[in-house]
């Protein structure tokens, strides 16, 4: 009887140890499964975010090219599919600027701001101060920093002459709308060089390097030989900064790009 009782106690003790081992093993498997699921979810989110960024970037690139075409179209042209037309102002065949075209409110997407606007620090500008100061900062900043993007995603032909803020893709060029984006890309065009008409002190970037620099040399005439110094042929030009904003599959996916564009004045 004594031996039988000892055997029962031994088997009971062994069964308790096995249960603890099984529980630990199940806890380890559960932990591994949870971490694997979290890593898979994180990887999916990263892939989705990267895809959204790439779509938004390509949309912003498209808007940059659209703005360059907008600045280069002949003034008499109305492209097929365009909702609005510029007409009568700066174009490739009429390189002159009027004060009515580039304004402090970015009328029709074209901005002409004073030098003071560019001196406003980012940290000192917010929604409250932007509304109470005449120098809210740069037009491509976010709206809560005084930016002038506006909300022009649903513009119609009735607003062509009066809207302020960014130009949606194809509004003046007739470019086709992009698929797979939550909102069509848009752009702003800033005039950065002073003009004869405006009288404003603008940011006044220099135009690009001289178009040509004739080398120094010797010039022979009928009566005498003279030395000619090298001369820089600086072509006067209008310099613009184009800022585009592209959107991805969601409005939270945004990319802002900038480029500089110049037109030689005749």
C-alpha atoms as a PDB file:
ATOM      1  CA  UNK A   1       0.000   0.000   0.000  1.00  0.00           C
ATOM      2  CA  UNK A   2       2.847   2.369   0.805  1.00  0.00           C
ATOM      3  CA  UNK A   3       4.442   1.839  -2.594  1.00  0.00           C
ATOM      4  CA  UNK A   4       1.128   2.448  -4.381  1.00  0.00           C
ATOM      5  CA  UNK A   5       0.583   5.753  -2.554  1.00  0.00           C
ATOM      6  CA  UNK A   6       4.087   6.986  -3.420  1.00  0.00           C
ATOM      7  CA  UNK A   7       3.566   6.148  -7.099  1.00  0.00           C
ATOM      8  CA  UNK A   8       0.323   8.142  -7.208  1.00  0.00           C
ATOM      9  CA  UNK A   9       1.959  11.194  -5.659  1.00  0.00           C
ATOM     10  CA  UNK A  10       4.856  11.013  -8.158  1.00  0.00           C
ATOM     11  CA  UNK A  11       2.510  10.884 -11.171  1.00  0.00           C
ATOM     12  CA  UNK A  12       0.485  13.784  -9.772  1.00  0.00           C
ATOM     13  CA  UNK A  13       3.622  15.899  -9.365  1.00  0.00           C
ATOM     14  CA  UNK A  14       4.782  15.119 -12.895  1.00  0.00           C
ATOM     15  CA  UNK A  15       1.411  16.154 -14.319  1.00  0.00           C
ATOM     16  CA  UNK A  16       1.672  19.562 -12.582  1.00  0.00           C
ATOM     17  CA  UNK A  17       5.120  20.218 -14.079  1.00  0.00           C
ATOM     18  CA  UNK A  18       3.906  19.343 -17.578  1.00  0.00           C
ATOM     19  CA  UNK A  19       0.996  21.781 -17.246  1.00  0.00           C
ATOM     20  CA  UNK A  20       3.337  24.616 -16.270  1.00  0.00           C
ATOM     21  CA  UNK A  21       5.646  23.845 -19.214  1.00  0.00           C
ATOM     22  CA  UNK A  22       2.710  23.777 -21.630  1.00  0.00           C
ATOM     23  CA  UNK A  23       1.429  27.125 -20.326  1.00  0.00           C
ATOM     24  CA  UNK A  24       4.865  28.727 -20.697  1.00  0.00           C
ATOM     25  CA  UNK A  25       5.175  27.314 -24.210  1.00  0.00           C
ATOM     26  CA  UNK A  26       1.724  28.661 -25.167  1.00  0.00           C
ATOM     27  CA  UNK A  27       2.607  32.077 -23.709  1.00  0.00           C
ATOM     28  CA  UNK A  28       5.796  32.148 -25.785  1.00  0.00           C
ATOM     29  CA  UNK A  29       3.897  31.224 -28.969  1.00  0.00           C
ATOM     30  CA  UNK A  30       1.251  33.858 -28.272  1.00  0.00           C
ATOM     31  CA  UNK A  31       3.924  36.527 -27.720  1.00  0.00           C
ATOM     32  CA  UNK A  32       5.683  35.568 -30.956  1.00  0.00           C
ATOM     33  CA  UNK A  33       2.376  35.665 -32.854  1.00  0.00           C
ATOM     34  CA  UNK A  34       1.519  39.104 -31.470  1.00  0.00           C
ATOM     35  CA  UNK A  35       4.933  40.557 -32.400  1.00  0.00           C
ATOM     36  CA  UNK A  36       4.724  38.992 -35.861  1.00  0.00           C
ATOM     37  CA  UNK A  37       1.290  40.494 -36.438  1.00  0.00           C
ATOM     38  CA  UNK A  38       2.454  43.923 -35.235  1.00  0.00           C
ATOM     39  CA  UNK A  39       5.520  43.798 -37.490  1.00  0.00           C
ATOM     40  CA  UNK A  40       3.396  42.787 -40.453  1.00  0.00           C
ATOM     41  CA  UNK A  41       0.952  45.620 -39.759  1.00  0.00           C
ATOM     42  CA  UNK A  42       3.801  48.112 -39.352  1.00  0.00           C
ATOM     43  CA  UNK A  43       5.391  46.954 -42.593  1.00  0.00           C
ATOM     44  CA  UNK A  44       2.076  47.330 -44.399  1.00  0.00           C
ATOM     45  CA  UNK A  45       1.640  50.856 -43.012  1.00  0.00           C
ATOM     46  CA  UNK A  46       5.169  51.804 -44.083  1.00  0.00           C
ATOM     47  CA  UNK A  47       4.575  50.428 -47.573  1.00  0.00           C
ATOM     48  CA  UNK A  48       1.262  52.284 -47.797  1.00  0.00           C
ATOM     49  CA  UNK A  49       2.861  55.526 -46.583  1.00  0.00           C
ATOM     50  CA  UNK A  50       5.699  55.168 -49.083  1.00  0.00           C
ATOM     51  CA  UNK A  51       3.222  54.547 -51.894  1.00  0.00           C
ATOM     52  CA  UNK A  52       1.225  57.609 -50.846  1.00  0.00           C
ATOM     53  CA  UNK A  53       4.408  59.701 -50.791  1.00  0.00           C
ATOM     54  CA  UNK A  54       5.455  58.528 -54.249  1.00  0.00           C
ATOM     55  CA  UNK A  55       2.002  59.298 -55.687  1.00  0.00           C
ATOM     56  CA  UNK A  56       1.976  62.754 -54.059  1.00  0.00           C
ATOM     57  CA  UNK A  57       5.491  63.495 -55.313  1.00  0.00           C
ATOM     58  CA  UNK A  58       4.647  62.534 -58.879  1.00  0.00           C
ATOM     59  CA  UNK A  59       1.513  64.680 -58.669  1.00  0.00           C
ATOM     60  CA  UNK A  60       3.599  67.641 -57.460  1.00  0.00           C
ATOM     61  CA  UNK A  61       6.068  67.089 -60.326  1.00  0.00           C
ATOM     62  CA  UNK A  62       3.162  67.139 -62.756  1.00  0.00           C
ATOM     63  CA  UNK A  63       1.965  70.451 -61.317  1.00  0.00           C
ATOM     64  CA  UNK A  64       5.463  71.963 -61.708  1.00  0.00           C
ATOM     65  CA  UNK A  65       5.500  71.069 -65.397  1.00  0.00           C
ATOM     66  CA  UNK A  66       1.960  72.401 -65.756  1.00  0.00           C
ATOM     67  CA  UNK A  67       2.998  75.754 -64.248  1.00  0.00           C
ATOM     68  CA  UNK A  68       5.962  76.004 -66.626  1.00  0.00           C
ATOM     69  CA  UNK A  69       3.627  75.388 -69.534  1.00  0.00           C
ATOM     70  CA  UNK A  70       1.250  77.996 -68.099  1.00  0.00           C
ATOM     71  CA  UNK A  71       4.077  80.564 -68.188  1.00  0.00           C
ATOM     72  CA  UNK A  72       5.145  79.545 -71.691  1.00  0.00           C
ATOM     73  CA  UNK A  73       1.853  79.419 -73.572  1.00  0.00           C
ATOM     74  CA  UNK A  74       1.297  82.025 -76.299  1.00  0.00           C
ATOM     75  CA  UNK A  75      -1.032  84.741 -75.041  1.00  0.00           C
ATOM     76  CA  UNK A  76      -3.571  84.104 -77.794  1.00  0.00           C
ATOM     77  CA  UNK A  77      -3.771  80.378 -77.179  1.00  0.00           C
ATOM     78  CA  UNK A  78      -6.634  78.687 -75.363  1.00  0.00           C
ATOM     79  CA  UNK A  79      -5.642  75.037 -74.990  1.00  0.00           C
ATOM     80  CA  UNK A  80      -8.239  72.359 -75.533  1.00  0.00           C
ATOM     81  CA  UNK A  81      -9.846  71.391 -72.260  1.00  0.00           C
ATOM     82  CA  UNK A  82      -8.735  74.520 -70.364  1.00  0.00           C
ATOM     83  CA  UNK A  83     -11.332  75.953 -67.992  1.00  0.00           C
ATOM     84  CA  UNK A  84      -9.765  79.435 -67.909  1.00  0.00           C
ATOM     85  CA  UNK A  85      -7.482  81.522 -70.110  1.00  0.00           C
ATOM     86  CA  UNK A  86      -4.817  84.021 -69.058  1.00  0.00           C
ATOM     87  CA  UNK A  87      -5.098  86.402 -71.997  1.00  0.00           C
ATOM     88  CA  UNK A  88      -3.259  89.671 -72.442  1.00  0.00           C
ATOM     89  CA  UNK A  89      -0.583  89.236 -69.787  1.00  0.00           C
ATOM     90  CA  UNK A  90       2.872  87.747 -69.537  1.00  0.00           C
ATOM     91  CA  UNK A  91       3.467  84.910 -71.956  1.00  0.00           C
ATOM     92  CA  UNK A  92       6.335  83.632 -74.052  1.00  0.00           C
ATOM     93  CA  UNK A  93       5.378  85.894 -76.960  1.00  0.00           C
ATOM     94  CA  UNK A  94       4.648  88.923 -74.766  1.00  0.00           C
ATOM     95  CA  UNK A  95       7.252  89.084 -71.981  1.00  0.00           C
ATOM     96  CA  UNK A  96       5.882  92.074 -70.088  1.00  0.00           C
ATOM     97  CA  UNK A  97       4.413  92.216 -66.596  1.00  0.00           C
ATOM     98  CA  UNK A  98       1.511  94.270 -65.325  1.00  0.00           C
ATOM     99  CA  UNK A  99       0.768  95.054 -61.682  1.00  0.00           C
ATOM    100  CA  UNK A 100      -2.707  93.664 -62.245  1.00  0.00           C
ATOM    101  CA  UNK A 101      -1.247  90.236 -62.999  1.00  0.00           C
ATOM    102  CA  UNK A 102       1.039  89.450 -60.043  1.00  0.00           C
ATOM    103  CA  UNK A 103      -0.547  90.573 -56.779  1.00  0.00           C
ATOM    104  CA  UNK A 104      -0.166  90.322 -52.998  1.00  0.00           C
ATOM    105  CA  UNK A 105      -3.259  88.114 -52.841  1.00  0.00           C
ATOM    106  CA  UNK A 106      -1.962  85.662 -55.478  1.00  0.00           C
ATOM    107  CA  UNK A 107      -4.751  86.558 -57.885  1.00  0.00           C
ATOM    108  CA  UNK A 108      -5.167  83.675 -60.357  1.00  0.00           C
ATOM    109  CA  UNK A 109      -2.240  81.898 -58.714  1.00  0.00           C
ATOM    110  CA  UNK A 110       0.368  84.596 -59.452  1.00  0.00           C
ATOM    111  CA  UNK A 111       2.001  86.326 -56.488  1.00  0.00           C
ATOM    112  CA  UNK A 112       4.053  89.485 -56.106  1.00  0.00           C
ATOM    113  CA  UNK A 113       5.013  90.076 -52.476  1.00  0.00           C
ATOM    114  CA  UNK A 114       7.196  92.721 -50.895  1.00  0.00           C
ATOM    115  CA  UNK A 115      10.617  91.953 -49.498  1.00  0.00           C
ATOM    116  CA  UNK A 116       9.206  92.289 -45.968  1.00  0.00           C
ATOM    117  CA  UNK A 117       7.134  89.158 -46.449  1.00  0.00           C
ATOM    118  CA  UNK A 118      10.273  87.104 -46.847  1.00  0.00           C
ATOM    119  CA  UNK A 119      11.801  88.527 -43.679  1.00  0.00           C
ATOM    120  CA  UNK A 120       9.037  87.161 -41.432  1.00  0.00           C
ATOM    121  CA  UNK A 121      10.448  84.212 -39.417  1.00  0.00           C
ATOM    122  CA  UNK A 122       8.585  80.920 -39.476  1.00  0.00           C
ATOM    123  CA  UNK A 123       8.456  80.750 -35.668  1.00  0.00           C
ATOM    124  CA  UNK A 124       6.793  84.168 -35.384  1.00  0.00           C
ATOM    125  CA  UNK A 125       3.941  83.406 -37.751  1.00  0.00           C
ATOM    126  CA  UNK A 126       0.742  81.611 -36.779  1.00  0.00           C
ATOM    127  CA  UNK A 127      -2.920  81.772 -37.671  1.00  0.00           C
ATOM    128  CA  UNK A 128      -3.595  84.651 -35.287  1.00  0.00           C
ATOM    129  CA  UNK A 129      -0.663  86.818 -36.327  1.00  0.00           C
ATOM    130  CA  UNK A 130      -1.157  86.026 -40.007  1.00  0.00           C
ATOM    131  CA  UNK A 131      -4.622  87.502 -39.827  1.00  0.00           C
ATOM    132  CA  UNK A 132      -3.443  90.653 -38.071  1.00  0.00           C
ATOM    133  CA  UNK A 133      -0.333  91.558 -40.023  1.00  0.00           C
ATOM    134  CA  UNK A 134       0.248  92.767 -43.558  1.00  0.00           C
ATOM    135  CA  UNK A 135       3.347  90.555 -43.845  1.00  0.00           C
ATOM    136  CA  UNK A 136       2.156  87.042 -43.000  1.00  0.00           C
ATOM    137  CA  UNK A 137       5.120  85.274 -44.571  1.00  0.00           C
ATOM    138  CA  UNK A 138       5.601  83.406 -47.822  1.00  0.00           C
ATOM    139  CA  UNK A 139       2.611  82.383 -49.942  1.00  0.00           C
ATOM    140  CA  UNK A 140       3.511  78.682 -50.103  1.00  0.00           C
ATOM    141  CA  UNK A 141       3.530  78.252 -46.309  1.00  0.00           C
ATOM    142  CA  UNK A 142       0.615  76.381 -44.679  1.00  0.00           C
ATOM    143  CA  UNK A 143      -2.593  78.313 -44.114  1.00  0.00           C
ATOM    144  CA  UNK A 144      -1.954  78.500 -40.357  1.00  0.00           C
ATOM    145  CA  UNK A 145       1.330  80.242 -41.169  1.00  0.00           C
ATOM    146  CA  UNK A 146      -0.248  82.807 -43.471  1.00  0.00           C
ATOM    147  CA  UNK A 147       0.039  80.782 -46.671  1.00  0.00           C
ATOM    148  CA  UNK A 148      -2.090  81.783 -49.645  1.00  0.00           C
ATOM    149  CA  UNK A 149      -2.950  78.389 -51.126  1.00  0.00           C
ATOM    150  CA  UNK A 150      -6.695  78.875 -50.807  1.00  0.00           C
ATOM    151  CA  UNK A 151      -9.109  76.042 -51.524  1.00  0.00           C
ATOM    152  CA  UNK A 152      -9.580  76.004 -55.289  1.00  0.00           C
ATOM    153  CA  UNK A 153     -10.093  72.315 -55.933  1.00  0.00           C
ATOM    154  CA  UNK A 154     -13.563  72.887 -57.420  1.00  0.00           C
ATOM    155  CA  UNK A 155     -13.061  76.025 -59.489  1.00  0.00           C
ATOM    156  CA  UNK A 156     -15.485  76.772 -62.312  1.00  0.00           C
ATOM    157  CA  UNK A 157     -15.246  79.098 -65.301  1.00  0.00           C
ATOM    158  CA  UNK A 158     -17.228  81.766 -63.434  1.00  0.00           C
ATOM    159  CA  UNK A 159     -14.292  82.237 -61.037  1.00  0.00           C
ATOM    160  CA  UNK A 160     -11.526  82.472 -63.650  1.00  0.00           C
ATOM    161  CA  UNK A 161     -10.985  86.215 -63.272  1.00  0.00           C
ATOM    162  CA  UNK A 162     -11.428  86.543 -59.514  1.00  0.00           C
ATOM    163  CA  UNK A 163     -10.066  83.526 -57.672  1.00  0.00           C
ATOM    164  CA  UNK A 164      -7.023  83.898 -55.433  1.00  0.00           C
ATOM    165  CA  UNK A 165      -4.617  81.190 -54.351  1.00  0.00           C
ATOM    166  CA  UNK A 166      -3.293  78.095 -56.040  1.00  0.00           C
ATOM    167  CA  UNK A 167      -4.045  76.987 -59.594  1.00  0.00           C
ATOM    168  CA  UNK A 168      -5.366  73.414 -59.908  1.00  0.00           C
ATOM    169  CA  UNK A 169      -3.785  71.185 -62.534  1.00  0.00           C
ATOM    170  CA  UNK A 170      -4.944  71.954 -66.070  1.00  0.00           C
ATOM    171  CA  UNK A 171      -7.010  75.031 -65.234  1.00  0.00           C
ATOM    172  CA  UNK A 172      -5.145  77.187 -67.796  1.00  0.00           C
ATOM    173  CA  UNK A 173      -3.415  74.461 -69.821  1.00  0.00           C
ATOM    174  CA  UNK A 174      -6.078  71.813 -70.291  1.00  0.00           C
ATOM    175  CA  UNK A 175      -3.886  69.080 -68.786  1.00  0.00           C
ATOM    176  CA  UNK A 176      -5.814  65.930 -67.927  1.00  0.00           C
ATOM    177  CA  UNK A 177      -6.759  65.257 -64.322  1.00  0.00           C
ATOM    178  CA  UNK A 178      -4.724  62.659 -62.454  1.00  0.00           C
ATOM    179  CA  UNK A 179      -6.257  59.414 -61.273  1.00  0.00           C
ATOM    180  CA  UNK A 180      -5.610  57.833 -57.885  1.00  0.00           C
ATOM    181  CA  UNK A 181      -5.244  61.091 -55.948  1.00  0.00           C
ATOM    182  CA  UNK A 182      -7.621  62.471 -53.365  1.00  0.00           C
ATOM    183  CA  UNK A 183      -7.242  65.989 -54.800  1.00  0.00           C
ATOM    184  CA  UNK A 184      -5.679  67.389 -57.958  1.00  0.00           C
ATOM    185  CA  UNK A 185      -2.205  68.972 -57.549  1.00  0.00           C
ATOM    186  CA  UNK A 186      -1.891  72.758 -57.592  1.00  0.00           C
ATOM    187  CA  UNK A 187       0.735  75.462 -57.924  1.00  0.00           C
ATOM    188  CA  UNK A 188       1.624  79.059 -57.071  1.00  0.00           C
ATOM    189  CA  UNK A 189       3.878  81.308 -59.167  1.00  0.00           C
ATOM    190  CA  UNK A 190       5.904  84.011 -57.391  1.00  0.00           C
ATOM    191  CA  UNK A 191       7.558  86.918 -59.194  1.00  0.00           C
ATOM    192  CA  UNK A 192      10.991  87.331 -57.596  1.00  0.00           C
ATOM    193  CA  UNK A 193      12.600  90.108 -59.645  1.00  0.00           C
ATOM    194  CA  UNK A 194      11.651  93.773 -59.501  1.00  0.00           C
ATOM    195  CA  UNK A 195       9.834  95.172 -62.506  1.00  0.00           C
ATOM    196  CA  UNK A 196       9.589  98.626 -64.000  1.00  0.00           C
ATOM    197  CA  UNK A 197       5.842  98.763 -63.446  1.00  0.00           C
ATOM    198  CA  UNK A 198       5.479  97.671 -59.841  1.00  0.00           C
ATOM    199  CA  UNK A 199       7.834  99.980 -57.967  1.00  0.00           C
ATOM    200  CA  UNK A 200       7.938  97.428 -55.150  1.00  0.00           C
ATOM    201  CA  UNK A 201      11.092  96.185 -53.516  1.00  0.00           C
ATOM    202  CA  UNK A 202      10.735  92.498 -54.176  1.00  0.00           C
ATOM    203  CA  UNK A 203      12.926  89.627 -53.095  1.00  0.00           C
ATOM    204  CA  UNK A 204      15.017  90.490 -56.152  1.00  0.00           C
ATOM    205  CA  UNK A 205      16.901  87.302 -56.908  1.00  0.00           C
ATOM    206  CA  UNK A 206      19.492  87.626 -59.626  1.00  0.00           C
ATOM    207  CA  UNK A 207      18.680  86.186 -63.001  1.00  0.00           C
ATOM    208  CA  UNK A 208      20.847  83.309 -64.232  1.00  0.00           C
ATOM    209  CA  UNK A 209      24.430  83.730 -65.384  1.00  0.00           C
ATOM    210  CA  UNK A 210      25.140  85.715 -68.565  1.00  0.00           C
ATOM    211  CA  UNK A 211      23.759  84.120 -71.670  1.00  0.00           C
ATOM    212  CA  UNK A 212      27.103  84.600 -73.454  1.00  0.00           C
ATOM    213  CA  UNK A 213      30.532  85.962 -72.602  1.00  0.00           C
ATOM    214  CA  UNK A 214      32.526  86.904 -75.735  1.00  0.00           C
ATOM    215  CA  UNK A 215      36.233  86.288 -75.227  1.00  0.00           C
ATOM    216  CA  UNK A 216      38.798  89.059 -75.221  1.00  0.00           C
ATOM    217  CA  UNK A 217      40.808  89.393 -78.398  1.00  0.00           C
ATOM    218  CA  UNK A 218      42.227  91.593 -81.095  1.00  0.00           C
ATOM    219  CA  UNK A 219      39.939  93.359 -83.508  1.00  0.00           C
ATOM    220  CA  UNK A 220      41.401  94.568 -86.797  1.00  0.00           C
ATOM    221  CA  UNK A 221      39.952  97.531 -88.656  1.00  0.00           C
ATOM    222  CA  UNK A 222      41.081  99.260 -91.831  1.00  0.00           C
ATOM    223  CA  UNK A 223      42.924 102.007 -89.994  1.00  0.00           C
ATOM    224  CA  UNK A 224      44.066 100.431 -86.733  1.00  0.00           C
ATOM    225  CA  UNK A 225      44.184  97.339 -84.571  1.00  0.00           C
ATOM    226  CA  UNK A 226      42.485  97.558 -81.184  1.00  0.00           C
ATOM    227  CA  UNK A 227      42.188  95.225 -78.196  1.00  0.00           C
ATOM    228  CA  UNK A 228      38.681  94.236 -77.228  1.00  0.00           C
ATOM    229  CA  UNK A 229      37.922  93.271 -73.625  1.00  0.00           C
ATOM    230  CA  UNK A 230      35.600  90.437 -72.741  1.00  0.00           C
ATOM    231  CA  UNK A 231      32.024  91.611 -72.256  1.00  0.00           C
ATOM    232  CA  UNK A 232      29.185  90.039 -70.348  1.00  0.00           C
ATOM    233  CA  UNK A 233      25.927  90.011 -72.220  1.00  0.00           C
ATOM    234  CA  UNK A 234      23.481  90.008 -69.326  1.00  0.00           C
ATOM    235  CA  UNK A 235      20.021  89.458 -70.702  1.00  0.00           C
ATOM    236  CA  UNK A 236      17.283  91.082 -68.610  1.00  0.00           C
ATOM    237  CA  UNK A 237      14.788  88.521 -67.457  1.00  0.00           C
ATOM    238  CA  UNK A 238      11.832  87.827 -65.212  1.00  0.00           C
ATOM    239  CA  UNK A 239      12.569  85.234 -62.537  1.00  0.00           C
ATOM    240  CA  UNK A 240       9.805  83.183 -60.971  1.00  0.00           C
ATOM    241  CA  UNK A 241       9.597  80.600 -58.234  1.00  0.00           C
ATOM    242  CA  UNK A 242       7.022  77.884 -58.816  1.00  0.00           C
ATOM    243  CA  UNK A 243       5.769  75.976 -55.792  1.00  0.00           C
ATOM    244  CA  UNK A 244       3.577  72.933 -56.321  1.00  0.00           C
ATOM    245  CA  UNK A 245       1.619  70.811 -53.880  1.00  0.00           C
ATOM    246  CA  UNK A 246       0.728  67.227 -54.710  1.00  0.00           C
ATOM    247  CA  UNK A 247      -1.682  64.904 -52.916  1.00  0.00           C
ATOM    248  CA  UNK A 248      -1.670  61.143 -52.573  1.00  0.00           C
ATOM    249  CA  UNK A 249      -4.502  58.661 -51.998  1.00  0.00           C
ATOM    250  CA  UNK A 250      -5.417  60.585 -48.830  1.00  0.00           C
ATOM    251  CA  UNK A 251      -5.271  64.306 -48.058  1.00  0.00           C
ATOM    252  CA  UNK A 252      -2.653  63.542 -45.389  1.00  0.00           C
ATOM    253  CA  UNK A 253      -0.220  62.465 -48.127  1.00  0.00           C
ATOM    254  CA  UNK A 254       1.215  65.764 -49.354  1.00  0.00           C
ATOM    255  CA  UNK A 255       4.468  66.755 -51.059  1.00  0.00           C
ATOM    256  CA  UNK A 256       5.598  70.313 -51.807  1.00  0.00           C
ATOM    257  CA  UNK A 257       8.192  70.946 -54.526  1.00  0.00           C
ATOM    258  CA  UNK A 258       9.788  74.146 -55.841  1.00  0.00           C
ATOM    259  CA  UNK A 259      11.615  75.154 -58.977  1.00  0.00           C
ATOM    260  CA  UNK A 260      12.840  78.404 -60.539  1.00  0.00           C
ATOM    261  CA  UNK A 261      11.843  79.540 -64.009  1.00  0.00           C
ATOM    262  CA  UNK A 262      12.913  82.575 -66.001  1.00  0.00           C
ATOM    263  CA  UNK A 263      11.733  84.293 -69.168  1.00  0.00           C
ATOM    264  CA  UNK A 264      14.074  86.563 -71.133  1.00  0.00           C
ATOM    265  CA  UNK A 265      12.590  90.023 -71.607  1.00  0.00           C
ATOM    266  CA  UNK A 266      12.586  91.398 -75.124  1.00  0.00           C
END
